[in-house]
């Protein structure tokens, strides 16, 4: 059930954080993985480490907001590995500010990376997954903020909510072609992206870093514990190896009990 032998996965934002953890786990379970990232050097370095460990990987330069770059990168994956079975739309950034001070340029950047990126990578992947109804699995990296809101994160919350609609529409449109879709919704994972937010939120809210962690990030969990990159990678593995469309169009919350569906 956990074998990905013969499968090909394209993972965006995979040079670090959640994307890298998913890529490494997929490679351990037999998948050929494309490490797509805006930083070509970093993508190549991760791919080299996976290959050195006995896996099979390539680095792909990809700006997920650029349609031509997404299409070219996706075509390169298929040319290198012969197919595309799994897309993990994971690339993301964070910018925090109250709505009345949120720069429109920052709003557009956030939606472009998270939501446009999800759409563009999906559209490119489907060109290959739909052929002959080969099928595939598309997994979007959402957030607990796909379901609820927090202060200072208007663009992020809006984008992550939007991914739910994209995934659910794809589940319906893709079904005749054997394509399934999901959204993984992590709680706070202590990646560099989250580490950066701690002092930023402390400044905006006028509290200490420890208070941000305890009273903002983890206050609604059942145990006051951060979700880990491995928690998310294991969830991505489960969804990629689930054997049927009994599970499609779902948002899977992985958050130590913060937001229960």
C-alpha atoms as a PDB file:
ATOM      1  CA  UNK A   1       0.000   0.000   0.000  1.00  0.00           C
ATOM      2  CA  UNK A   2       2.935   2.358   0.564  1.00  0.00           C
ATOM      3  CA  UNK A   3       4.858   1.481  -2.591  1.00  0.00           C
ATOM      4  CA  UNK A   4       5.346   4.174  -5.211  1.00  0.00           C
ATOM      5  CA  UNK A   5       7.468   1.975  -7.459  1.00  0.00           C
ATOM      6  CA  UNK A   6       7.194   3.133 -11.058  1.00  0.00           C
ATOM      7  CA  UNK A   7       5.440   6.388 -10.126  1.00  0.00           C
ATOM      8  CA  UNK A   8       6.678   9.857 -11.068  1.00  0.00           C
ATOM      9  CA  UNK A   9       6.088  12.831  -8.761  1.00  0.00           C
ATOM     10  CA  UNK A  10       6.552  16.536  -9.404  1.00  0.00           C
ATOM     11  CA  UNK A  11       6.830  18.525  -6.182  1.00  0.00           C
ATOM     12  CA  UNK A  12       6.972  22.323  -6.178  1.00  0.00           C
ATOM     13  CA  UNK A  13       8.839  24.265  -3.535  1.00  0.00           C
ATOM     14  CA  UNK A  14      10.757  21.067  -2.887  1.00  0.00           C
ATOM     15  CA  UNK A  15      14.210  22.480  -2.175  1.00  0.00           C
ATOM     16  CA  UNK A  16      13.304  22.935   1.493  1.00  0.00           C
ATOM     17  CA  UNK A  17      10.682  22.407   4.176  1.00  0.00           C
ATOM     18  CA  UNK A  18       7.579  20.343   3.537  1.00  0.00           C
ATOM     19  CA  UNK A  19       8.263  19.845  -0.160  1.00  0.00           C
ATOM     20  CA  UNK A  20      11.711  18.430   0.498  1.00  0.00           C
ATOM     21  CA  UNK A  21      10.414  16.069   3.177  1.00  0.00           C
ATOM     22  CA  UNK A  22       7.738  14.747   0.811  1.00  0.00           C
ATOM     23  CA  UNK A  23      10.253  14.312  -2.000  1.00  0.00           C
ATOM     24  CA  UNK A  24      12.668  12.375   0.204  1.00  0.00           C
ATOM     25  CA  UNK A  25       9.940  10.095   1.543  1.00  0.00           C
ATOM     26  CA  UNK A  26       8.495   9.470  -1.910  1.00  0.00           C
ATOM     27  CA  UNK A  27      11.949   8.570  -3.220  1.00  0.00           C
ATOM     28  CA  UNK A  28      12.440   6.108  -0.353  1.00  0.00           C
ATOM     29  CA  UNK A  29       9.194   4.429  -1.385  1.00  0.00           C
ATOM     30  CA  UNK A  30      10.235   4.028  -5.010  1.00  0.00           C
ATOM     31  CA  UNK A  31       9.028   7.134  -6.806  1.00  0.00           C
ATOM     32  CA  UNK A  32      11.069   9.117  -9.285  1.00  0.00           C
ATOM     33  CA  UNK A  33      10.864  12.680  -8.017  1.00  0.00           C
ATOM     34  CA  UNK A  34      11.269  16.062  -9.676  1.00  0.00           C
ATOM     35  CA  UNK A  35      12.464  18.717  -7.233  1.00  0.00           C
ATOM     36  CA  UNK A  36      10.869  21.882  -8.621  1.00  0.00           C
ATOM     37  CA  UNK A  37      11.905  25.183  -7.079  1.00  0.00           C
ATOM     38  CA  UNK A  38      12.509  28.757  -8.095  1.00  0.00           C
ATOM     39  CA  UNK A  39      16.093  28.199  -6.879  1.00  0.00           C
ATOM     40  CA  UNK A  40      17.654  25.876  -9.467  1.00  0.00           C
ATOM     41  CA  UNK A  41      20.872  25.402  -7.493  1.00  0.00           C
ATOM     42  CA  UNK A  42      19.002  24.362  -4.360  1.00  0.00           C
ATOM     43  CA  UNK A  43      16.750  22.023  -6.350  1.00  0.00           C
ATOM     44  CA  UNK A  44      19.752  20.355  -7.953  1.00  0.00           C
ATOM     45  CA  UNK A  45      21.419  19.943  -4.563  1.00  0.00           C
ATOM     46  CA  UNK A  46      18.407  18.164  -3.069  1.00  0.00           C
ATOM     47  CA  UNK A  47      18.108  15.952  -6.154  1.00  0.00           C
ATOM     48  CA  UNK A  48      21.796  15.053  -5.859  1.00  0.00           C
ATOM     49  CA  UNK A  49      21.332  14.024  -2.215  1.00  0.00           C
ATOM     50  CA  UNK A  50      18.363  11.823  -3.087  1.00  0.00           C
ATOM     51  CA  UNK A  51      20.311  10.177  -5.905  1.00  0.00           C
ATOM     52  CA  UNK A  52      23.301   9.624  -3.618  1.00  0.00           C
ATOM     53  CA  UNK A  53      20.993   7.859  -1.154  1.00  0.00           C
ATOM     54  CA  UNK A  54      19.838   5.449  -3.861  1.00  0.00           C
ATOM     55  CA  UNK A  55      16.762   7.294  -5.064  1.00  0.00           C
ATOM     56  CA  UNK A  56      15.953   8.793  -8.420  1.00  0.00           C
ATOM     57  CA  UNK A  57      15.540  12.558  -8.729  1.00  0.00           C
ATOM     58  CA  UNK A  58      16.104  15.575 -10.931  1.00  0.00           C
ATOM     59  CA  UNK A  59      16.108  19.292 -10.181  1.00  0.00           C
ATOM     60  CA  UNK A  60      13.744  21.549 -12.101  1.00  0.00           C
ATOM     61  CA  UNK A  61      13.836  25.349 -12.160  1.00  0.00           C
ATOM     62  CA  UNK A  62      10.235  26.527 -11.842  1.00  0.00           C
ATOM     63  CA  UNK A  63       8.573  29.831 -11.082  1.00  0.00           C
ATOM     64  CA  UNK A  64       5.027  28.646 -10.392  1.00  0.00           C
ATOM     65  CA  UNK A  65       3.586  32.041 -11.319  1.00  0.00           C
ATOM     66  CA  UNK A  66       4.984  31.848 -14.863  1.00  0.00           C
ATOM     67  CA  UNK A  67       2.816  29.719 -17.184  1.00  0.00           C
ATOM     68  CA  UNK A  68       5.592  29.137 -19.707  1.00  0.00           C
ATOM     69  CA  UNK A  69       8.049  28.088 -17.002  1.00  0.00           C
ATOM     70  CA  UNK A  70       5.510  25.726 -15.443  1.00  0.00           C
ATOM     71  CA  UNK A  71       4.678  24.107 -18.780  1.00  0.00           C
ATOM     72  CA  UNK A  72       8.343  23.748 -19.761  1.00  0.00           C
ATOM     73  CA  UNK A  73       9.302  22.315 -16.375  1.00  0.00           C
ATOM     74  CA  UNK A  74       6.433  19.828 -16.395  1.00  0.00           C
ATOM     75  CA  UNK A  75       7.293  18.710 -19.923  1.00  0.00           C
ATOM     76  CA  UNK A  76      10.913  18.223 -18.815  1.00  0.00           C
ATOM     77  CA  UNK A  77       9.777  15.910 -16.011  1.00  0.00           C
ATOM     78  CA  UNK A  78       7.822  13.755 -18.476  1.00  0.00           C
ATOM     79  CA  UNK A  79      10.709  13.767 -20.950  1.00  0.00           C
ATOM     80  CA  UNK A  80      13.100  12.642 -18.194  1.00  0.00           C
ATOM     81  CA  UNK A  81      10.943  10.024 -16.480  1.00  0.00           C
ATOM     82  CA  UNK A  82       8.375   9.093 -19.138  1.00  0.00           C
ATOM     83  CA  UNK A  83       5.216  10.052 -17.240  1.00  0.00           C
ATOM     84  CA  UNK A  84       3.696  12.161 -14.480  1.00  0.00           C
ATOM     85  CA  UNK A  85       1.573  10.438 -11.839  1.00  0.00           C
ATOM     86  CA  UNK A  86       1.608  12.764  -8.842  1.00  0.00           C
ATOM     87  CA  UNK A  87       1.673  16.544  -8.522  1.00  0.00           C
ATOM     88  CA  UNK A  88       2.334  18.125  -5.128  1.00  0.00           C
ATOM     89  CA  UNK A  89       1.524  21.846  -5.380  1.00  0.00           C
ATOM     90  CA  UNK A  90       3.470  23.039  -2.374  1.00  0.00           C
ATOM     91  CA  UNK A  91       5.344  26.251  -3.244  1.00  0.00           C
ATOM     92  CA  UNK A  92       4.433  29.087  -0.926  1.00  0.00           C
ATOM     93  CA  UNK A  93       5.517  32.184   0.949  1.00  0.00           C
ATOM     94  CA  UNK A  94       4.110  34.229   3.813  1.00  0.00           C
ATOM     95  CA  UNK A  95       3.595  37.977   4.199  1.00  0.00           C
ATOM     96  CA  UNK A  96       1.769  39.283   7.260  1.00  0.00           C
ATOM     97  CA  UNK A  97       0.107  42.659   7.793  1.00  0.00           C
ATOM     98  CA  UNK A  98      -3.291  43.946   8.810  1.00  0.00           C
ATOM     99  CA  UNK A  99      -5.694  44.402   5.897  1.00  0.00           C
ATOM    100  CA  UNK A 100      -5.620  48.200   6.049  1.00  0.00           C
ATOM    101  CA  UNK A 101      -1.832  48.143   5.690  1.00  0.00           C
ATOM    102  CA  UNK A 102      -1.499  45.221   3.294  1.00  0.00           C
ATOM    103  CA  UNK A 103       0.209  46.381   0.097  1.00  0.00           C
ATOM    104  CA  UNK A 104      -1.700  45.425  -3.032  1.00  0.00           C
ATOM    105  CA  UNK A 105       1.557  44.226  -4.594  1.00  0.00           C
ATOM    106  CA  UNK A 106       2.026  41.833  -1.664  1.00  0.00           C
ATOM    107  CA  UNK A 107      -1.604  40.659  -1.980  1.00  0.00           C
ATOM    108  CA  UNK A 108      -1.083  39.877  -5.663  1.00  0.00           C
ATOM    109  CA  UNK A 109       2.220  38.123  -4.946  1.00  0.00           C
ATOM    110  CA  UNK A 110       0.645  35.884  -2.327  1.00  0.00           C
ATOM    111  CA  UNK A 111      -2.298  34.892  -4.520  1.00  0.00           C
ATOM    112  CA  UNK A 112      -0.034  34.397  -7.526  1.00  0.00           C
ATOM    113  CA  UNK A 113       2.282  31.952  -5.751  1.00  0.00           C
ATOM    114  CA  UNK A 114      -0.313  29.990  -3.796  1.00  0.00           C
ATOM    115  CA  UNK A 115      -3.418  30.073  -5.975  1.00  0.00           C
ATOM    116  CA  UNK A 116      -2.205  30.867  -9.487  1.00  0.00           C
ATOM    117  CA  UNK A 117       0.643  28.431  -8.871  1.00  0.00           C
ATOM    118  CA  UNK A 118      -1.818  25.709  -7.921  1.00  0.00           C
ATOM    119  CA  UNK A 119      -3.873  26.368 -11.042  1.00  0.00           C
ATOM    120  CA  UNK A 120      -0.942  26.578 -13.464  1.00  0.00           C
ATOM    121  CA  UNK A 121       0.808  23.445 -12.203  1.00  0.00           C
ATOM    122  CA  UNK A 122      -2.493  21.561 -12.270  1.00  0.00           C
ATOM    123  CA  UNK A 123      -3.269  22.647 -15.815  1.00  0.00           C
ATOM    124  CA  UNK A 124       0.198  21.568 -16.987  1.00  0.00           C
ATOM    125  CA  UNK A 125       0.030  18.229 -15.164  1.00  0.00           C
ATOM    126  CA  UNK A 126      -3.394  17.395 -16.578  1.00  0.00           C
ATOM    127  CA  UNK A 127      -2.056  17.578 -20.123  1.00  0.00           C
ATOM    128  CA  UNK A 128      -0.215  14.363 -19.256  1.00  0.00           C
ATOM    129  CA  UNK A 129      -2.576  12.781 -16.720  1.00  0.00           C
ATOM    130  CA  UNK A 130      -5.615  13.034 -19.002  1.00  0.00           C
ATOM    131  CA  UNK A 131      -3.918  11.334 -21.967  1.00  0.00           C
ATOM    132  CA  UNK A 132      -5.538   7.952 -22.463  1.00  0.00           C
ATOM    133  CA  UNK A 133      -7.224   8.487 -19.077  1.00  0.00           C
ATOM    134  CA  UNK A 134      -3.915   7.509 -17.483  1.00  0.00           C
ATOM    135  CA  UNK A 135      -4.935   9.292 -14.314  1.00  0.00           C
ATOM    136  CA  UNK A 136      -2.980  10.717 -11.438  1.00  0.00           C
ATOM    137  CA  UNK A 137      -3.154  12.404  -8.059  1.00  0.00           C
ATOM    138  CA  UNK A 138      -2.907  16.131  -7.378  1.00  0.00           C
ATOM    139  CA  UNK A 139      -2.243  17.218  -3.803  1.00  0.00           C
ATOM    140  CA  UNK A 140      -2.351  20.876  -2.803  1.00  0.00           C
ATOM    141  CA  UNK A 141      -0.629  22.189   0.295  1.00  0.00           C
ATOM    142  CA  UNK A 142      -3.340  24.075   2.092  1.00  0.00           C
ATOM    143  CA  UNK A 143      -3.440  24.950   5.769  1.00  0.00           C
ATOM    144  CA  UNK A 144      -5.749  25.017   8.737  1.00  0.00           C
ATOM    145  CA  UNK A 145      -6.186  28.511   7.293  1.00  0.00           C
ATOM    146  CA  UNK A 146      -8.000  26.838   4.396  1.00  0.00           C
ATOM    147  CA  UNK A 147     -10.849  26.510   6.909  1.00  0.00           C
ATOM    148  CA  UNK A 148     -10.539  29.402   9.319  1.00  0.00           C
ATOM    149  CA  UNK A 149      -8.840  32.774   9.640  1.00  0.00           C
ATOM    150  CA  UNK A 150      -6.189  34.468  11.732  1.00  0.00           C
ATOM    151  CA  UNK A 151      -5.307  38.116  12.082  1.00  0.00           C
ATOM    152  CA  UNK A 152      -2.638  39.579   9.776  1.00  0.00           C
ATOM    153  CA  UNK A 153      -3.009  36.844   7.133  1.00  0.00           C
ATOM    154  CA  UNK A 154      -5.743  38.051   4.761  1.00  0.00           C
ATOM    155  CA  UNK A 155      -3.982  37.086   1.529  1.00  0.00           C
ATOM    156  CA  UNK A 156      -2.743  33.745   2.842  1.00  0.00           C
ATOM    157  CA  UNK A 157      -6.180  32.800   4.198  1.00  0.00           C
ATOM    158  CA  UNK A 158      -7.893  33.848   0.966  1.00  0.00           C
ATOM    159  CA  UNK A 159      -5.456  31.838  -1.147  1.00  0.00           C
ATOM    160  CA  UNK A 160      -5.638  28.727   1.027  1.00  0.00           C
ATOM    161  CA  UNK A 161      -9.442  28.854   1.004  1.00  0.00           C
ATOM    162  CA  UNK A 162      -9.264  29.084  -2.789  1.00  0.00           C
ATOM    163  CA  UNK A 163      -7.271  25.858  -3.039  1.00  0.00           C
ATOM    164  CA  UNK A 164     -10.208  23.970  -1.524  1.00  0.00           C
ATOM    165  CA  UNK A 165     -12.418  25.098  -4.396  1.00  0.00           C
ATOM    166  CA  UNK A 166      -9.804  24.193  -6.993  1.00  0.00           C
ATOM    167  CA  UNK A 167      -9.278  20.719  -5.513  1.00  0.00           C
ATOM    168  CA  UNK A 168     -12.982  19.986  -5.255  1.00  0.00           C
ATOM    169  CA  UNK A 169     -13.603  21.089  -8.840  1.00  0.00           C
ATOM    170  CA  UNK A 170     -10.700  18.945 -10.047  1.00  0.00           C
ATOM    171  CA  UNK A 171     -12.095  15.939  -8.166  1.00  0.00           C
ATOM    172  CA  UNK A 172     -15.285  16.230 -10.222  1.00  0.00           C
ATOM    173  CA  UNK A 173     -13.700  17.103 -13.573  1.00  0.00           C
ATOM    174  CA  UNK A 174     -10.828  14.660 -13.219  1.00  0.00           C
ATOM    175  CA  UNK A 175     -12.831  11.614 -12.186  1.00  0.00           C
ATOM    176  CA  UNK A 176     -13.632  10.477 -15.767  1.00  0.00           C
ATOM    177  CA  UNK A 177      -9.875  10.573 -16.450  1.00  0.00           C
ATOM    178  CA  UNK A 178      -8.921   8.730 -13.219  1.00  0.00           C
ATOM    179  CA  UNK A 179      -7.481  11.869 -11.624  1.00  0.00           C
ATOM    180  CA  UNK A 180      -7.999  12.439  -7.902  1.00  0.00           C
ATOM    181  CA  UNK A 181      -7.244  15.515  -5.820  1.00  0.00           C
ATOM    182  CA  UNK A 182      -6.775  16.484  -2.178  1.00  0.00           C
ATOM    183  CA  UNK A 183      -5.709  19.350   0.050  1.00  0.00           C
ATOM    184  CA  UNK A 184      -3.414  18.687   3.000  1.00  0.00           C
ATOM    185  CA  UNK A 185      -4.102  21.266   5.713  1.00  0.00           C
ATOM    186  CA  UNK A 186      -1.231  21.433   8.199  1.00  0.00           C
ATOM    187  CA  UNK A 187      -1.247  23.237  11.481  1.00  0.00           C
ATOM    188  CA  UNK A 188       1.886  25.166  12.349  1.00  0.00           C
ATOM    189  CA  UNK A 189       4.994  23.269  11.239  1.00  0.00           C
ATOM    190  CA  UNK A 190       8.284  24.731  12.448  1.00  0.00           C
ATOM    191  CA  UNK A 191       9.751  25.309   9.005  1.00  0.00           C
ATOM    192  CA  UNK A 192      11.883  28.397   8.138  1.00  0.00           C
ATOM    193  CA  UNK A 193       8.647  30.010   6.902  1.00  0.00           C
ATOM    194  CA  UNK A 194       7.069  29.662  10.348  1.00  0.00           C
ATOM    195  CA  UNK A 195      10.262  30.593  12.210  1.00  0.00           C
ATOM    196  CA  UNK A 196      10.236  33.880  10.294  1.00  0.00           C
ATOM    197  CA  UNK A 197       6.638  34.565  11.339  1.00  0.00           C
ATOM    198  CA  UNK A 198       7.294  34.290  15.082  1.00  0.00           C
ATOM    199  CA  UNK A 199       9.181  37.600  15.545  1.00  0.00           C
ATOM    200  CA  UNK A 200       7.019  39.279  12.889  1.00  0.00           C
ATOM    201  CA  UNK A 201       3.830  38.432  14.744  1.00  0.00           C
ATOM    202  CA  UNK A 202       5.429  39.346  18.062  1.00  0.00           C
ATOM    203  CA  UNK A 203       6.121  42.853  16.730  1.00  0.00           C
ATOM    204  CA  UNK A 204       2.660  43.271  15.198  1.00  0.00           C
ATOM    205  CA  UNK A 205       0.829  41.976  18.281  1.00  0.00           C
ATOM    206  CA  UNK A 206       3.106  43.551  20.903  1.00  0.00           C
ATOM    207  CA  UNK A 207       3.910  40.246  22.643  1.00  0.00           C
ATOM    208  CA  UNK A 208       6.973  38.023  23.081  1.00  0.00           C
ATOM    209  CA  UNK A 209       8.116  35.269  20.750  1.00  0.00           C
ATOM    210  CA  UNK A 210       7.189  32.652  23.361  1.00  0.00           C
ATOM    211  CA  UNK A 211       3.713  34.137  23.645  1.00  0.00           C
ATOM    212  CA  UNK A 212       3.279  33.919  19.867  1.00  0.00           C
ATOM    213  CA  UNK A 213       4.128  30.214  19.997  1.00  0.00           C
ATOM    214  CA  UNK A 214       2.040  29.417  23.072  1.00  0.00           C
ATOM    215  CA  UNK A 215      -0.929  31.777  22.713  1.00  0.00           C
ATOM    216  CA  UNK A 216      -1.237  32.206  18.946  1.00  0.00           C
ATOM    217  CA  UNK A 217       0.259  29.285  17.061  1.00  0.00           C
ATOM    218  CA  UNK A 218      -0.429  26.373  19.411  1.00  0.00           C
ATOM    219  CA  UNK A 219      -3.222  27.612  21.659  1.00  0.00           C
ATOM    220  CA  UNK A 220      -5.961  25.608  19.899  1.00  0.00           C
ATOM    221  CA  UNK A 221      -4.051  22.325  19.655  1.00  0.00           C
ATOM    222  CA  UNK A 222      -4.895  19.542  22.076  1.00  0.00           C
ATOM    223  CA  UNK A 223      -1.326  19.167  23.316  1.00  0.00           C
ATOM    224  CA  UNK A 224       0.619  22.359  22.545  1.00  0.00           C
ATOM    225  CA  UNK A 225       2.831  20.569  20.028  1.00  0.00           C
ATOM    226  CA  UNK A 226       3.963  21.655  16.567  1.00  0.00           C
ATOM    227  CA  UNK A 227       3.048  19.461  13.607  1.00  0.00           C
ATOM    228  CA  UNK A 228       6.218  18.049  11.977  1.00  0.00           C
ATOM    229  CA  UNK A 229       7.409  17.870   8.393  1.00  0.00           C
ATOM    230  CA  UNK A 230       7.297  14.072   8.683  1.00  0.00           C
ATOM    231  CA  UNK A 231       3.637  14.208   9.758  1.00  0.00           C
ATOM    232  CA  UNK A 232       2.862  16.012   6.508  1.00  0.00           C
ATOM    233  CA  UNK A 233       5.091  13.808   4.362  1.00  0.00           C
ATOM    234  CA  UNK A 234       3.452  10.664   5.754  1.00  0.00           C
ATOM    235  CA  UNK A 235       0.024  12.112   4.967  1.00  0.00           C
ATOM    236  CA  UNK A 236       1.125  12.877   1.414  1.00  0.00           C
ATOM    237  CA  UNK A 237       2.377   9.306   1.077  1.00  0.00           C
ATOM    238  CA  UNK A 238      -0.924   7.890   2.324  1.00  0.00           C
ATOM    239  CA  UNK A 239      -2.945   9.971  -0.137  1.00  0.00           C
ATOM    240  CA  UNK A 240      -0.653   9.080  -3.038  1.00  0.00           C
ATOM    241  CA  UNK A 241      -0.955   5.357  -2.351  1.00  0.00           C
ATOM    242  CA  UNK A 242      -4.644   5.136  -1.484  1.00  0.00           C
ATOM    243  CA  UNK A 243      -6.035   2.590  -3.965  1.00  0.00           C
ATOM    244  CA  UNK A 244      -9.314   4.107  -5.137  1.00  0.00           C
ATOM    245  CA  UNK A 245     -11.419   7.199  -5.741  1.00  0.00           C
ATOM    246  CA  UNK A 246     -13.301   6.487  -2.533  1.00  0.00           C
ATOM    247  CA  UNK A 247     -10.938   9.178  -1.258  1.00  0.00           C
ATOM    248  CA  UNK A 248     -10.971  12.263  -3.498  1.00  0.00           C
ATOM    249  CA  UNK A 249     -11.785  15.939  -3.185  1.00  0.00           C
ATOM    250  CA  UNK A 250     -10.911  15.872   0.507  1.00  0.00           C
ATOM    251  CA  UNK A 251      -9.124  18.280   2.817  1.00  0.00           C
ATOM    252  CA  UNK A 252      -7.064  16.406   5.384  1.00  0.00           C
ATOM    253  CA  UNK A 253      -6.297  18.454   8.497  1.00  0.00           C
ATOM    254  CA  UNK A 254      -3.027  17.511  10.224  1.00  0.00           C
ATOM    255  CA  UNK A 255      -2.798  19.845  13.194  1.00  0.00           C
ATOM    256  CA  UNK A 256      -2.778  18.213  16.658  1.00  0.00           C
ATOM    257  CA  UNK A 257      -6.482  18.904  16.930  1.00  0.00           C
ATOM    258  CA  UNK A 258      -6.450  22.567  15.861  1.00  0.00           C
ATOM    259  CA  UNK A 259      -9.634  22.713  13.764  1.00  0.00           C
ATOM    260  CA  UNK A 260     -11.570  19.460  13.764  1.00  0.00           C
ATOM    261  CA  UNK A 261     -13.795  18.565  10.821  1.00  0.00           C
END
